[in-house]
Structures are given as structure tokens and as C-alpha cells.
């Protein structure tokens, strides 16, 4: 087994069993839902932006396969603290990676551990699983701010 395959399996298992930033936040700022009709995976992503347009909080909840849960977990870790533009750029890099488009070394460096999802491009049905949380995060970034109200859990 290659080191990349082993790292991929290890990250997927770790983040699917113990997802980071999982569950509804205390207060909603922006929210978006994602659903993969091919397999039934569904996620809700919450994003809070501070005054500098920086992601101060990002959380997710939902149900789905290990790949969708792990990818959403890793996404929350990757974009937290980034500006809206940086999060959008990270989305674009990740999307290119999982859809098999050429990704330069600089983009790979910026993605960090997320590069292990590069092999997903060989499995078209899994691309949707890996990118579900990312699409929901992007939709949340572009959603109108919600009134500060308690979040509703999808669980």
C-alpha cells in the first residue's frame, strides 16, 4: 500500500469517526444545505464572517458516507480563519483536485492534507461525496446573512 493511500485511509477514518467542527453553532450567521441525490448524503454548513470578511466560525452537520463526512470535517479546519476570498480560492483548488484538473505544486501546498483526495477523481460517483461540504460552504459564504438566531440542527 502506498503512503498516499495509507494517509488517505487514515484521514478518512479519523475525520469520519471524529469529525471536527461538527454540530450546530450557538448563533447562525450564514447557512446552506447540500444534498447528493445520487447517494442520499446531506449536509448543512454554517459560516460566520467577522467584520474583516474572515471566516470566524464554520461548522457542519448531516448524514452521509465516510468520504463526505471526512471531507466536510477537513474543509472546516482548512477554511476557518481564512478570508472569504481565500476560502473561495481553496474551494476552487479542491474542486480542481477532485475533478482531475491539473493542480500546480503551489495549489497542492496550499491544500495541505487535502491533497489525499486527489485520487477521488478516478471515481466520478465519489467526487460528489468529497465536494458536497465544499459546495455547501461556498453557498453559505454567498448567502445573505441570517438574523442572529439559534441554529437548527439537522440531526
N, C-alpha and C. Protein backbone atom coordinates (compact mmCIF):
# COMPACT_ATOMS: atom_id res chain seq x y z
N UNK A 1 0.85 -1.18 0.00
CA UNK A 1 0.00 0.00 0.00
C UNK A 1 0.90 1.24 0.00
N UNK A 2 0.58 2.22 -0.86
CA UNK A 2 1.40 3.42 -0.94
C UNK A 2 1.16 4.31 0.27
N UNK A 3 2.12 5.21 0.51
CA UNK A 3 2.00 6.15 1.62
C UNK A 3 0.78 7.05 1.45
N UNK A 4 0.51 7.45 0.20
CA UNK A 4 -0.65 8.31 -0.07
C UNK A 4 -1.94 7.57 0.23
N UNK A 5 -2.05 6.32 -0.17
CA UNK A 5 -3.24 5.53 0.09
C UNK A 5 -3.44 5.34 1.58
N UNK A 6 -2.36 5.06 2.27
CA UNK A 6 -2.43 4.87 3.72
C UNK A 6 -2.86 6.16 4.42
N UNK A 7 -2.28 7.30 4.00
CA UNK A 7 -2.65 8.59 4.58
C UNK A 7 -4.12 8.90 4.29
N UNK A 8 -4.57 8.63 3.06
CA UNK A 8 -5.96 8.85 2.67
C UNK A 8 -6.89 8.06 3.59
N UNK A 9 -6.61 6.78 3.73
CA UNK A 9 -7.46 5.93 4.57
C UNK A 9 -7.44 6.40 6.02
N UNK A 10 -6.28 6.77 6.52
CA UNK A 10 -6.15 7.22 7.89
C UNK A 10 -6.93 8.52 8.12
N UNK A 11 -6.80 9.49 7.22
CA UNK A 11 -7.52 10.76 7.35
C UNK A 11 -9.03 10.56 7.26
N UNK A 12 -9.46 9.74 6.29
CA UNK A 12 -10.90 9.49 6.14
C UNK A 12 -11.47 8.87 7.40
N UNK A 13 -10.81 7.85 7.90
CA UNK A 13 -11.29 7.19 9.12
C UNK A 13 -11.30 8.14 10.31
N UNK A 14 -10.22 8.88 10.49
CA UNK A 14 -10.14 9.79 11.63
C UNK A 14 -11.23 10.85 11.58
N UNK A 15 -11.37 11.52 10.44
CA UNK A 15 -12.33 12.63 10.35
C UNK A 15 -13.78 12.16 10.21
N UNK A 16 -14.00 10.94 9.76
CA UNK A 16 -15.39 10.45 9.70
C UNK A 16 -15.84 9.93 11.06
N UNK A 17 -14.91 9.36 11.82
CA UNK A 17 -15.26 8.86 13.16
C UNK A 17 -15.32 9.98 14.20
N UNK A 18 -14.45 10.97 14.04
CA UNK A 18 -14.38 12.10 14.99
C UNK A 18 -14.33 13.40 14.20
N UNK A 19 -15.45 13.78 13.58
CA UNK A 19 -15.43 15.00 12.76
C UNK A 19 -15.16 16.25 13.60
N UNK A 20 -14.39 17.14 13.02
CA UNK A 20 -14.11 18.42 13.66
C UNK A 20 -15.21 19.40 13.28
N UNK A 21 -15.47 20.34 14.18
CA UNK A 21 -16.45 21.41 13.93
C UNK A 21 -17.80 20.85 13.51
N UNK A 22 -18.22 19.81 14.18
CA UNK A 22 -19.48 19.13 13.85
C UNK A 22 -20.58 19.59 14.80
N UNK A 23 -21.72 19.87 14.27
CA UNK A 23 -22.87 20.29 15.06
C UNK A 23 -23.17 21.76 14.88
N UNK A 24 -24.38 22.12 15.20
CA UNK A 24 -24.84 23.50 15.01
C UNK A 24 -24.11 24.46 15.94
N UNK A 25 -23.82 25.66 15.45
CA UNK A 25 -23.22 26.69 16.30
C UNK A 25 -24.30 27.31 17.19
N UNK A 26 -23.88 28.09 18.15
CA UNK A 26 -24.83 28.74 19.06
C UNK A 26 -25.67 29.78 18.32
N UNK A 27 -25.07 30.46 17.35
CA UNK A 27 -25.78 31.51 16.61
C UNK A 27 -25.51 31.34 15.12
N UNK A 28 -26.53 31.50 14.33
CA UNK A 28 -26.43 31.37 12.88
C UNK A 28 -26.04 32.72 12.27
N UNK A 29 -25.13 32.71 11.32
CA UNK A 29 -24.80 33.88 10.53
C UNK A 29 -25.22 33.63 9.08
N UNK A 30 -24.64 32.57 8.49
CA UNK A 30 -24.98 32.16 7.12
C UNK A 30 -25.11 30.65 7.13
N UNK A 31 -26.01 30.15 6.34
CA UNK A 31 -26.25 28.71 6.32
C UNK A 31 -26.61 28.26 4.90
N UNK A 32 -26.21 27.05 4.59
CA UNK A 32 -26.59 26.45 3.31
C UNK A 32 -26.66 24.94 3.47
N UNK A 33 -27.53 24.34 2.71
CA UNK A 33 -27.68 22.89 2.73
C UNK A 33 -27.12 22.31 1.44
N UNK A 34 -26.57 21.12 1.56
CA UNK A 34 -26.09 20.39 0.41
C UNK A 34 -26.67 19.00 0.43
N UNK A 35 -27.00 18.50 -0.75
CA UNK A 35 -27.58 17.17 -0.85
C UNK A 35 -27.04 16.49 -2.10
N UNK A 36 -26.68 15.24 -1.97
CA UNK A 36 -26.23 14.45 -3.11
C UNK A 36 -27.34 13.45 -3.43
N UNK A 37 -28.15 13.72 -4.45
CA UNK A 37 -29.26 12.84 -4.76
C UNK A 37 -28.82 11.45 -5.24
N UNK A 38 -27.57 11.33 -5.67
CA UNK A 38 -27.07 10.03 -6.15
C UNK A 38 -27.01 9.00 -5.02
N UNK A 39 -26.64 9.47 -3.81
CA UNK A 39 -26.46 8.51 -2.72
C UNK A 39 -27.22 8.87 -1.45
N UNK A 40 -27.80 10.07 -1.40
CA UNK A 40 -28.57 10.45 -0.23
C UNK A 40 -27.80 11.23 0.82
N UNK A 41 -26.50 11.48 0.61
CA UNK A 41 -25.74 12.29 1.56
C UNK A 41 -26.37 13.68 1.65
N UNK A 42 -26.41 14.23 2.87
CA UNK A 42 -26.91 15.58 3.04
C UNK A 42 -26.18 16.26 4.18
N UNK A 43 -25.89 17.53 3.98
CA UNK A 43 -25.15 18.31 4.96
C UNK A 43 -25.75 19.70 5.09
N UNK A 44 -25.59 20.27 6.25
CA UNK A 44 -25.87 21.69 6.46
C UNK A 44 -24.56 22.30 6.94
N UNK A 45 -24.21 23.43 6.35
CA UNK A 45 -22.98 24.12 6.71
C UNK A 45 -23.33 25.52 7.20
N UNK A 46 -22.76 25.89 8.34
CA UNK A 46 -22.91 27.22 8.90
C UNK A 46 -21.58 27.94 8.81
N UNK A 47 -21.63 29.21 8.41
CA UNK A 47 -20.42 30.03 8.32
C UNK A 47 -20.71 31.37 8.99
N UNK A 48 -19.78 31.82 9.80
CA UNK A 48 -19.86 33.15 10.39
C UNK A 48 -18.65 33.94 9.90
N UNK A 49 -18.91 35.14 9.40
CA UNK A 49 -17.85 36.04 8.94
C UNK A 49 -17.73 37.19 9.92
N UNK A 50 -16.49 37.56 10.22
CA UNK A 50 -16.29 38.70 11.11
C UNK A 50 -16.26 39.98 10.28
N UNK A 51 -16.01 41.09 10.91
CA UNK A 51 -16.01 42.39 10.24
C UNK A 51 -15.00 42.51 9.12
N UNK A 52 -13.96 41.71 9.14
CA UNK A 52 -12.94 41.74 8.10
C UNK A 52 -13.22 40.75 6.98
N UNK A 53 -14.44 40.20 6.95
CA UNK A 53 -14.82 39.22 5.94
C UNK A 53 -14.00 37.94 6.08
N UNK A 54 -13.64 37.63 7.31
CA UNK A 54 -12.85 36.44 7.62
C UNK A 54 -13.78 35.40 8.24
N UNK A 55 -13.57 34.13 7.90
CA UNK A 55 -14.38 33.04 8.44
C UNK A 55 -14.00 32.85 9.92
N UNK A 56 -14.87 33.32 10.79
CA UNK A 56 -14.58 33.20 12.22
C UNK A 56 -15.11 31.88 12.79
N UNK A 57 -16.09 31.31 12.11
CA UNK A 57 -16.66 30.03 12.54
C UNK A 57 -17.20 29.31 11.32
N UNK A 58 -17.00 28.01 11.30
CA UNK A 58 -17.58 27.17 10.25
C UNK A 58 -17.85 25.81 10.87
N UNK A 59 -19.07 25.35 10.71
CA UNK A 59 -19.48 24.08 11.30
C UNK A 59 -20.38 23.35 10.30
N UNK A 60 -20.54 22.06 10.52
CA UNK A 60 -21.41 21.28 9.64
C UNK A 60 -22.11 20.20 10.44
N UNK A 61 -23.19 19.70 9.89
CA UNK A 61 -23.90 18.55 10.45
C UNK A 61 -24.61 17.87 9.30
N UNK A 62 -24.89 16.63 9.46
CA UNK A 62 -25.61 15.90 8.45
C UNK A 62 -25.27 14.43 8.46
N UNK A 63 -25.73 13.75 7.45
CA UNK A 63 -25.51 12.31 7.35
C UNK A 63 -24.97 11.99 5.98
N UNK A 64 -24.09 11.00 5.95
CA UNK A 64 -23.55 10.60 4.66
C UNK A 64 -22.42 9.61 4.84
N UNK A 65 -21.80 9.30 3.74
CA UNK A 65 -20.71 8.33 3.73
C UNK A 65 -19.47 8.91 4.41
N UNK A 66 -18.52 8.04 4.66
CA UNK A 66 -17.28 8.45 5.33
C UNK A 66 -16.56 9.54 4.55
N UNK A 67 -16.58 9.46 3.22
CA UNK A 67 -15.87 10.46 2.41
C UNK A 67 -16.52 11.83 2.56
N UNK A 68 -17.84 11.92 2.50
CA UNK A 68 -18.50 13.23 2.61
C UNK A 68 -18.31 13.81 4.00
N UNK A 69 -18.39 12.99 5.03
CA UNK A 69 -18.22 13.47 6.39
C UNK A 69 -16.78 13.92 6.65
N UNK A 70 -15.81 13.12 6.20
CA UNK A 70 -14.41 13.45 6.41
C UNK A 70 -14.02 14.70 5.62
N UNK A 71 -14.49 14.80 4.39
CA UNK A 71 -14.17 15.96 3.57
C UNK A 71 -14.75 17.23 4.19
N UNK A 72 -15.98 17.16 4.68
CA UNK A 72 -16.59 18.33 5.32
C UNK A 72 -15.83 18.71 6.59
N UNK A 73 -15.41 17.73 7.35
CA UNK A 73 -14.64 17.99 8.56
C UNK A 73 -13.32 18.67 8.22
N UNK A 74 -12.59 18.12 7.25
CA UNK A 74 -11.32 18.71 6.84
C UNK A 74 -11.52 20.10 6.23
N UNK A 75 -12.63 20.30 5.53
CA UNK A 75 -12.94 21.60 4.96
C UNK A 75 -13.09 22.65 6.05
N UNK A 76 -13.79 22.30 7.14
CA UNK A 76 -13.99 23.28 8.21
C UNK A 76 -12.66 23.70 8.83
N UNK A 77 -11.78 22.74 8.99
CA UNK A 77 -10.45 23.03 9.55
C UNK A 77 -9.67 23.93 8.58
N UNK A 78 -9.77 23.63 7.28
CA UNK A 78 -8.99 24.35 6.27
C UNK A 78 -9.43 25.80 6.09
N UNK A 79 -10.73 26.08 6.14
CA UNK A 79 -11.19 27.44 5.82
C UNK A 79 -11.36 28.34 7.05
N UNK A 80 -11.40 27.76 8.23
CA UNK A 80 -11.56 28.59 9.43
C UNK A 80 -10.36 29.53 9.56
N UNK A 81 -10.65 30.80 9.73
CA UNK A 81 -9.61 31.82 9.84
C UNK A 81 -9.22 32.45 8.52
N UNK A 82 -9.72 31.91 7.41
CA UNK A 82 -9.41 32.44 6.09
C UNK A 82 -10.39 33.57 5.74
N UNK A 83 -9.97 34.46 4.86
CA UNK A 83 -10.89 35.46 4.34
C UNK A 83 -11.85 34.78 3.38
N UNK A 84 -12.92 35.47 3.04
CA UNK A 84 -13.88 34.93 2.07
C UNK A 84 -13.16 34.58 0.77
N UNK A 85 -12.29 35.49 0.29
CA UNK A 85 -11.57 35.24 -0.96
C UNK A 85 -10.65 34.04 -0.85
N UNK A 86 -9.97 33.89 0.29
CA UNK A 86 -9.09 32.74 0.49
C UNK A 86 -9.88 31.44 0.52
N UNK A 87 -11.06 31.47 1.18
CA UNK A 87 -11.91 30.28 1.23
C UNK A 87 -12.43 29.92 -0.16
N UNK A 88 -12.80 30.93 -0.95
CA UNK A 88 -13.24 30.70 -2.33
C UNK A 88 -12.11 30.09 -3.16
N UNK A 89 -10.89 30.60 -2.97
CA UNK A 89 -9.73 30.07 -3.70
C UNK A 89 -9.45 28.63 -3.29
N UNK A 90 -9.61 28.33 -2.00
CA UNK A 90 -9.39 26.97 -1.53
C UNK A 90 -10.45 26.03 -2.12
N UNK A 91 -11.70 26.50 -2.20
CA UNK A 91 -12.76 25.72 -2.84
C UNK A 91 -12.35 25.39 -4.28
N UNK A 92 -11.90 26.40 -5.03
CA UNK A 92 -11.53 26.19 -6.43
C UNK A 92 -10.39 25.18 -6.56
N UNK A 93 -9.38 25.29 -5.71
CA UNK A 93 -8.25 24.34 -5.75
C UNK A 93 -8.73 22.93 -5.46
N UNK A 94 -9.55 22.79 -4.40
CA UNK A 94 -10.04 21.47 -4.02
C UNK A 94 -10.90 20.88 -5.13
N UNK A 95 -11.78 21.70 -5.70
CA UNK A 95 -12.65 21.23 -6.76
C UNK A 95 -11.84 20.76 -7.97
N UNK A 96 -10.82 21.54 -8.34
CA UNK A 96 -9.95 21.11 -9.43
C UNK A 96 -9.28 19.78 -9.10
N UNK A 97 -8.81 19.64 -7.88
CA UNK A 97 -8.13 18.41 -7.46
C UNK A 97 -9.03 17.19 -7.59
N UNK A 98 -10.24 17.27 -7.05
CA UNK A 98 -11.11 16.09 -7.03
C UNK A 98 -11.77 15.81 -8.38
N UNK A 99 -11.78 16.80 -9.26
CA UNK A 99 -12.35 16.56 -10.59
C UNK A 99 -11.27 16.22 -11.61
N UNK A 100 -10.02 16.11 -11.16
CA UNK A 100 -8.95 15.65 -12.04
C UNK A 100 -8.32 16.72 -12.90
N UNK A 101 -8.61 17.99 -12.63
CA UNK A 101 -7.97 19.06 -13.38
C UNK A 101 -6.54 19.25 -12.87
N UNK A 102 -5.65 19.75 -13.70
CA UNK A 102 -4.27 19.96 -13.26
C UNK A 102 -4.20 20.93 -12.08
N UNK A 103 -3.45 20.54 -11.08
CA UNK A 103 -3.26 21.37 -9.89
C UNK A 103 -1.76 21.53 -9.69
N UNK A 104 -1.29 22.76 -9.73
CA UNK A 104 0.13 23.03 -9.59
C UNK A 104 0.64 22.76 -8.19
N UNK A 105 1.95 22.75 -8.06
CA UNK A 105 2.57 22.49 -6.76
C UNK A 105 2.18 23.52 -5.71
N UNK A 106 2.07 24.79 -6.11
CA UNK A 106 1.66 25.84 -5.17
C UNK A 106 0.27 25.60 -4.63
N UNK A 107 -0.64 25.18 -5.51
CA UNK A 107 -2.01 24.88 -5.09
C UNK A 107 -2.03 23.66 -4.17
N UNK A 108 -1.23 22.67 -4.50
CA UNK A 108 -1.14 21.48 -3.65
C UNK A 108 -0.61 21.84 -2.27
N UNK A 109 0.40 22.71 -2.23
CA UNK A 109 0.94 23.14 -0.94
C UNK A 109 -0.14 23.86 -0.13
N UNK A 110 -0.93 24.71 -0.80
CA UNK A 110 -2.00 25.44 -0.11
C UNK A 110 -3.08 24.50 0.42
N UNK A 111 -3.30 23.39 -0.27
CA UNK A 111 -4.32 22.43 0.18
C UNK A 111 -3.86 21.57 1.35
N UNK A 112 -2.57 21.42 1.52
CA UNK A 112 -2.06 20.62 2.64
C UNK A 112 -2.54 19.19 2.58
N UNK A 113 -3.06 18.69 3.70
CA UNK A 113 -3.52 17.31 3.81
C UNK A 113 -4.64 16.97 2.82
N UNK A 114 -5.35 17.98 2.36
CA UNK A 114 -6.46 17.74 1.44
C UNK A 114 -6.02 17.12 0.12
N UNK A 115 -4.74 17.16 -0.20
CA UNK A 115 -4.26 16.57 -1.45
C UNK A 115 -4.53 15.07 -1.51
N UNK A 116 -4.74 14.43 -0.38
CA UNK A 116 -5.02 12.99 -0.41
C UNK A 116 -6.33 12.68 -1.12
N UNK A 117 -7.19 13.68 -1.29
CA UNK A 117 -8.45 13.47 -2.00
C UNK A 117 -8.25 13.47 -3.52
N UNK A 118 -7.03 13.68 -3.99
CA UNK A 118 -6.76 13.70 -5.42
C UNK A 118 -7.16 12.42 -6.13
N UNK A 119 -7.04 11.29 -5.48
CA UNK A 119 -7.40 10.01 -6.09
C UNK A 119 -8.88 9.85 -6.30
N UNK A 120 -9.69 10.66 -5.67
CA UNK A 120 -11.14 10.59 -5.81
C UNK A 120 -11.56 10.83 -7.26
N UNK A 121 -10.76 11.59 -8.00
CA UNK A 121 -11.12 11.92 -9.38
C UNK A 121 -11.28 10.68 -10.27
N UNK A 122 -10.69 9.57 -9.85
CA UNK A 122 -10.83 8.33 -10.63
C UNK A 122 -12.18 7.66 -10.41
N UNK A 123 -12.96 8.16 -9.45
CA UNK A 123 -14.25 7.57 -9.11
C UNK A 123 -15.32 8.66 -9.16
N UNK A 124 -15.90 8.90 -10.33
CA UNK A 124 -16.84 10.02 -10.50
C UNK A 124 -17.96 10.08 -9.45
N UNK A 125 -18.47 8.96 -9.02
CA UNK A 125 -19.53 8.99 -8.00
C UNK A 125 -19.03 9.53 -6.68
N UNK A 126 -17.75 9.34 -6.40
CA UNK A 126 -17.17 9.81 -5.13
C UNK A 126 -16.80 11.29 -5.16
N UNK A 127 -16.66 11.85 -6.38
CA UNK A 127 -16.35 13.27 -6.49
C UNK A 127 -17.45 14.08 -5.81
N UNK A 128 -18.69 13.70 -6.04
CA UNK A 128 -19.82 14.40 -5.43
C UNK A 128 -19.79 14.27 -3.91
N UNK A 129 -19.39 13.12 -3.41
CA UNK A 129 -19.28 12.91 -1.96
C UNK A 129 -18.22 13.83 -1.36
N UNK A 130 -17.06 13.86 -2.01
CA UNK A 130 -15.93 14.65 -1.50
C UNK A 130 -16.19 16.15 -1.59
N UNK A 131 -16.96 16.58 -2.58
CA UNK A 131 -17.15 18.02 -2.78
C UNK A 131 -18.44 18.56 -2.17
N UNK A 132 -19.28 17.71 -1.63
CA UNK A 132 -20.59 18.14 -1.10
C UNK A 132 -20.45 19.25 -0.05
N UNK A 133 -19.66 19.03 0.96
CA UNK A 133 -19.48 20.03 2.01
C UNK A 133 -18.88 21.32 1.50
N UNK A 134 -17.98 21.20 0.52
CA UNK A 134 -17.33 22.37 -0.07
C UNK A 134 -18.35 23.23 -0.83
N UNK A 135 -19.23 22.58 -1.58
CA UNK A 135 -20.25 23.33 -2.30
C UNK A 135 -21.20 24.01 -1.32
N UNK A 136 -21.54 23.34 -0.24
CA UNK A 136 -22.42 23.94 0.77
C UNK A 136 -21.73 25.11 1.47
N UNK A 137 -20.43 24.96 1.75
CA UNK A 137 -19.68 26.05 2.37
C UNK A 137 -19.67 27.27 1.46
N UNK A 138 -19.42 27.03 0.18
CA UNK A 138 -19.39 28.14 -0.78
C UNK A 138 -20.76 28.81 -0.87
N UNK A 139 -21.81 28.01 -0.88
CA UNK A 139 -23.17 28.58 -0.91
C UNK A 139 -23.44 29.39 0.35
N UNK A 140 -22.97 28.91 1.50
CA UNK A 140 -23.15 29.65 2.75
C UNK A 140 -22.38 30.96 2.72
N UNK A 141 -21.17 30.94 2.19
CA UNK A 141 -20.38 32.18 2.08
C UNK A 141 -21.13 33.23 1.26
N UNK A 142 -21.85 32.77 0.25
CA UNK A 142 -22.53 33.68 -0.66
C UNK A 142 -23.99 33.94 -0.30
N UNK A 143 -24.44 33.32 0.79
CA UNK A 143 -25.82 33.52 1.24
C UNK A 143 -25.95 34.87 1.95
N UNK A 144 -27.15 35.36 1.96
CA UNK A 144 -27.40 36.59 2.72
C UNK A 144 -27.25 36.27 4.20
N UNK A 145 -26.69 37.21 4.96
CA UNK A 145 -26.57 36.95 6.40
C UNK A 145 -27.95 36.74 7.03
N UNK A 146 -28.02 35.75 7.87
CA UNK A 146 -29.26 35.46 8.59
C UNK A 146 -29.31 36.34 9.82
N UNK A 147 -30.49 36.56 10.32
CA UNK A 147 -30.61 37.27 11.59
C UNK A 147 -29.97 36.40 12.67
N UNK A 148 -29.32 37.01 13.62
CA UNK A 148 -28.67 36.26 14.69
C UNK A 148 -29.74 35.49 15.46
N UNK A 149 -29.81 34.21 15.23
CA UNK A 149 -30.83 33.37 15.84
C UNK A 149 -30.22 32.01 16.12
N UNK A 150 -30.78 31.27 17.05
CA UNK A 150 -30.24 29.95 17.32
C UNK A 150 -30.27 29.07 16.07
N UNK A 151 -29.27 28.27 15.93
CA UNK A 151 -29.20 27.37 14.78
C UNK A 151 -30.13 26.18 14.99
N UNK A 152 -30.54 25.59 13.90
CA UNK A 152 -31.38 24.41 13.92
C UNK A 152 -30.52 23.24 13.48
N UNK A 153 -30.43 22.22 14.28
CA UNK A 153 -29.61 21.06 13.95
C UNK A 153 -30.29 20.21 12.91
N UNK A 154 -29.47 19.58 12.05
CA UNK A 154 -30.01 18.67 11.03
C UNK A 154 -29.98 17.24 11.53
N UNK A 155 -29.61 17.04 12.76
CA UNK A 155 -29.52 15.67 13.27
C UNK A 155 -30.74 15.29 14.06
